[in-house]
Amino acid sequence: MKVNYLCYGLLLLALLLSLNVAHSAVAWFLLASVVTLVIYGADKYAARKSWQRVPEKTLLLFGLAGGWPGALLGQQMFRHKTQKQPFKTWFMLSVVVNVLAVAGFGYWRTTQGI
């Protein structure tokens, strides 16, 4: 699972970088999306070469953590994970959960006057 450690290391690096800028949430979603896009591309390449793959749970977790725009782009760019069930269903569910969580947090912040 060395590839999994690399993936999570990149996500941690994205988190640390996003905490050091003025608009941390925007930076987080941008960096998480870029990392997720790269990981989808690397996983597609690994699939073609019969190398060690990125686990589907990792791909789903990256989408849930805010990298879903990069995942959607990666799925289309690399034609990767676009037809496979139940991955597709779980991925779309993770997008909905992420969007609802962000919207709920934004609503909560406005009602609190933050």
C-alpha atoms as a PDB file:
ATOM      1  CA  MET A   1       0.000   0.000   0.000  1.00  0.00           C
ATOM      2  CA  LYS A   2       2.903   2.372  -0.592  1.00  0.00           C
ATOM      3  CA  VAL A   3       0.874   4.175  -3.241  1.00  0.00           C
ATOM      4  CA  ASN A   4      -1.833   4.845  -0.656  1.00  0.00           C
ATOM      5  CA  TYR A   5       0.692   6.486   1.679  1.00  0.00           C
ATOM      6  CA  LEU A   6       1.839   8.726  -1.160  1.00  0.00           C
ATOM      7  CA  CYS A   7      -1.759   9.737  -1.918  1.00  0.00           C
ATOM      8  CA  TYR A   8      -2.520  10.639   1.685  1.00  0.00           C
ATOM      9  CA  GLY A   9       0.813  12.413   1.977  1.00  0.00           C
ATOM     10  CA  LEU A  10      -0.133  14.619  -0.966  1.00  0.00           C
ATOM     11  CA  LEU A  11      -3.512  15.350   0.598  1.00  0.00           C
ATOM     12  CA  LEU A  12      -1.830  16.271   3.895  1.00  0.00           C
ATOM     13  CA  LEU A  13       0.567  18.559   2.033  1.00  0.00           C
ATOM     14  CA  ALA A  14      -2.416  20.230   0.342  1.00  0.00           C
ATOM     15  CA  LEU A  15      -4.010  20.752   3.760  1.00  0.00           C
ATOM     16  CA  LEU A  16      -0.855  22.291   5.218  1.00  0.00           C
ATOM     17  CA  LEU A  17      -0.428  24.594   2.231  1.00  0.00           C
ATOM     18  CA  SER A  18      -4.072  25.689   2.339  1.00  0.00           C
ATOM     19  CA  LEU A  19      -3.794  26.656   6.008  1.00  0.00           C
ATOM     20  CA  ASN A  20      -1.088  29.192   5.190  1.00  0.00           C
ATOM     21  CA  VAL A  21      -3.140  31.453   2.918  1.00  0.00           C
ATOM     22  CA  ALA A  22      -5.815  34.075   3.499  1.00  0.00           C
ATOM     23  CA  HIS A  23      -8.752  32.119   2.056  1.00  0.00           C
ATOM     24  CA  SER A  24      -7.997  28.682   3.454  1.00  0.00           C
ATOM     25  CA  ALA A  25     -11.266  27.024   2.397  1.00  0.00           C
ATOM     26  CA  VAL A  26     -10.915  28.141  -1.209  1.00  0.00           C
ATOM     27  CA  ALA A  27      -7.277  27.064  -1.259  1.00  0.00           C
ATOM     28  CA  TRP A  28      -8.216  23.703   0.264  1.00  0.00           C
ATOM     29  CA  PHE A  29     -10.833  22.918  -2.385  1.00  0.00           C
ATOM     30  CA  LEU A  30      -8.499  24.024  -5.167  1.00  0.00           C
ATOM     31  CA  LEU A  31      -5.512  22.038  -3.893  1.00  0.00           C
ATOM     32  CA  ALA A  32      -7.602  18.964  -3.010  1.00  0.00           C
ATOM     33  CA  SER A  33      -9.071  19.030  -6.516  1.00  0.00           C
ATOM     34  CA  VAL A  34      -5.640  19.281  -8.147  1.00  0.00           C
ATOM     35  CA  VAL A  35      -4.278  16.424  -6.013  1.00  0.00           C
ATOM     36  CA  THR A  36      -7.349  14.297  -6.787  1.00  0.00           C
ATOM     37  CA  LEU A  37      -7.034  14.999 -10.517  1.00  0.00           C
ATOM     38  CA  VAL A  38      -3.378  13.913 -10.437  1.00  0.00           C
ATOM     39  CA  ILE A  39      -4.259  10.754  -8.514  1.00  0.00           C
ATOM     40  CA  TYR A  40      -6.973   9.800 -11.009  1.00  0.00           C
ATOM     41  CA  GLY A  41      -4.458  10.237 -13.821  1.00  0.00           C
ATOM     42  CA  ALA A  42      -1.836   8.200 -11.989  1.00  0.00           C
ATOM     43  CA  ASP A  43      -4.362   5.448 -11.257  1.00  0.00           C
ATOM     44  CA  LYS A  44      -5.392   5.263 -14.905  1.00  0.00           C
ATOM     45  CA  TYR A  45      -1.736   5.026 -15.908  1.00  0.00           C
ATOM     46  CA  ALA A  46      -1.169   2.295 -13.310  1.00  0.00           C
ATOM     47  CA  ALA A  47      -4.189   0.399 -14.645  1.00  0.00           C
ATOM     48  CA  ARG A  48      -2.751   0.439 -18.165  1.00  0.00           C
ATOM     49  CA  LYS A  49       0.661  -0.734 -16.958  1.00  0.00           C
ATOM     50  CA  SER A  50      -0.742  -3.353 -14.544  1.00  0.00           C
ATOM     51  CA  TRP A  51       0.978  -1.617 -11.646  1.00  0.00           C
ATOM     52  CA  GLN A  52      -0.251  -1.180  -8.086  1.00  0.00           C
ATOM     53  CA  ARG A  53      -3.520   0.753  -8.117  1.00  0.00           C
ATOM     54  CA  VAL A  54      -4.986   3.405  -5.880  1.00  0.00           C
ATOM     55  CA  PRO A  55      -7.752   1.777  -3.821  1.00  0.00           C
ATOM     56  CA  GLU A  56     -11.284   2.864  -4.705  1.00  0.00           C
ATOM     57  CA  LYS A  57     -11.876   3.824  -1.070  1.00  0.00           C
ATOM     58  CA  THR A  58      -9.040   6.331  -1.359  1.00  0.00           C
ATOM     59  CA  LEU A  59     -10.483   7.829  -4.537  1.00  0.00           C
ATOM     60  CA  LEU A  60     -13.892   8.126  -2.863  1.00  0.00           C
ATOM     61  CA  LEU A  61     -12.422   9.666   0.273  1.00  0.00           C
ATOM     62  CA  PHE A  62     -10.539  12.271  -1.756  1.00  0.00           C
ATOM     63  CA  GLY A  63     -13.778  13.250  -3.469  1.00  0.00           C
ATOM     64  CA  LEU A  64     -15.565  13.438  -0.128  1.00  0.00           C
ATOM     65  CA  ALA A  65     -12.764  15.561   1.336  1.00  0.00           C
ATOM     66  CA  GLY A  66     -13.395  18.256  -1.260  1.00  0.00           C
ATOM     67  CA  GLY A  67     -11.524  16.975  -4.286  1.00  0.00           C
ATOM     68  CA  TRP A  68     -14.662  16.000  -6.203  1.00  0.00           C
ATOM     69  CA  PRO A  69     -14.297  18.732  -8.870  1.00  0.00           C
ATOM     70  CA  GLY A  70     -10.840  17.339  -9.691  1.00  0.00           C
ATOM     71  CA  ALA A  71     -12.262  13.818  -9.613  1.00  0.00           C
ATOM     72  CA  LEU A  72     -15.013  14.726 -12.078  1.00  0.00           C
ATOM     73  CA  LEU A  73     -12.468  16.361 -14.359  1.00  0.00           C
ATOM     74  CA  GLY A  74     -10.116  13.383 -14.016  1.00  0.00           C
ATOM     75  CA  GLN A  75     -12.878  10.919 -14.801  1.00  0.00           C
ATOM     76  CA  GLN A  76     -13.617  12.743 -18.042  1.00  0.00           C
ATOM     77  CA  MET A  77     -10.034  13.563 -19.033  1.00  0.00           C
ATOM     78  CA  PHE A  78      -8.684  10.079 -18.429  1.00  0.00           C
ATOM     79  CA  ARG A  79     -11.923   8.166 -19.082  1.00  0.00           C
ATOM     80  CA  HIS A  80     -11.413   6.540 -15.718  1.00  0.00           C
ATOM     81  CA  LYS A  81     -14.042   5.202 -13.302  1.00  0.00           C
ATOM     82  CA  THR A  82     -16.906   6.538 -15.415  1.00  0.00           C
ATOM     83  CA  GLN A  83     -18.830   3.282 -15.887  1.00  0.00           C
ATOM     84  CA  LYS A  84     -17.857   1.110 -12.936  1.00  0.00           C
ATOM     85  CA  GLN A  85     -20.666   0.377 -10.495  1.00  0.00           C
ATOM     86  CA  PRO A  86     -21.039   0.694  -7.522  1.00  0.00           C
ATOM     87  CA  PHE A  87     -18.111   3.170  -7.574  1.00  0.00           C
ATOM     88  CA  LYS A  88     -20.093   5.641  -9.673  1.00  0.00           C
ATOM     89  CA  THR A  89     -23.015   5.584  -7.246  1.00  0.00           C
ATOM     90  CA  TRP A  90     -20.805   5.961  -4.179  1.00  0.00           C
ATOM     91  CA  PHE A  91     -18.884   8.785  -5.857  1.00  0.00           C
ATOM     92  CA  MET A  92     -22.033  10.743  -6.698  1.00  0.00           C
ATOM     93  CA  LEU A  93     -23.287  10.221  -3.143  1.00  0.00           C
ATOM     94  CA  SER A  94     -19.987  11.603  -1.808  1.00  0.00           C
ATOM     95  CA  VAL A  95     -20.374  14.679  -4.048  1.00  0.00           C
ATOM     96  CA  VAL A  96     -23.893  15.308  -2.740  1.00  0.00           C
ATOM     97  CA  VAL A  97     -22.757  14.873   0.885  1.00  0.00           C
ATOM     98  CA  ASN A  98     -19.827  17.253   0.321  1.00  0.00           C
ATOM     99  CA  VAL A  99     -21.954  19.937  -1.344  1.00  0.00           C
ATOM    100  CA  LEU A 100     -24.638  19.692   1.369  1.00  0.00           C
ATOM    101  CA  ALA A 101     -22.003  19.908   4.127  1.00  0.00           C
ATOM    102  CA  VAL A 102     -20.390  22.990   2.575  1.00  0.00           C
ATOM    103  CA  ALA A 103     -23.781  24.636   1.993  1.00  0.00           C
ATOM    104  CA  GLY A 104     -24.860  23.821   5.552  1.00  0.00           C
ATOM    105  CA  PHE A 105     -21.654  25.234   6.977  1.00  0.00           C
ATOM    106  CA  GLY A 106     -22.028  28.372   4.872  1.00  0.00           C
ATOM    107  CA  TYR A 107     -25.629  28.786   6.014  1.00  0.00           C
ATOM    108  CA  TRP A 108     -24.617  28.283   9.641  1.00  0.00           C
ATOM    109  CA  ARG A 109     -21.886  30.921   9.324  1.00  0.00           C
ATOM    110  CA  THR A 110     -24.291  33.481   7.885  1.00  0.00           C
ATOM    111  CA  THR A 111     -26.855  32.871  10.613  1.00  0.00           C
ATOM    112  CA  GLN A 112     -24.153  33.275  13.256  1.00  0.00           C
ATOM    113  CA  GLY A 113     -22.915  36.526  11.719  1.00  0.00           C
ATOM    114  CA  ILE A 114     -19.412  35.144  11.188  1.00  0.00           C
END
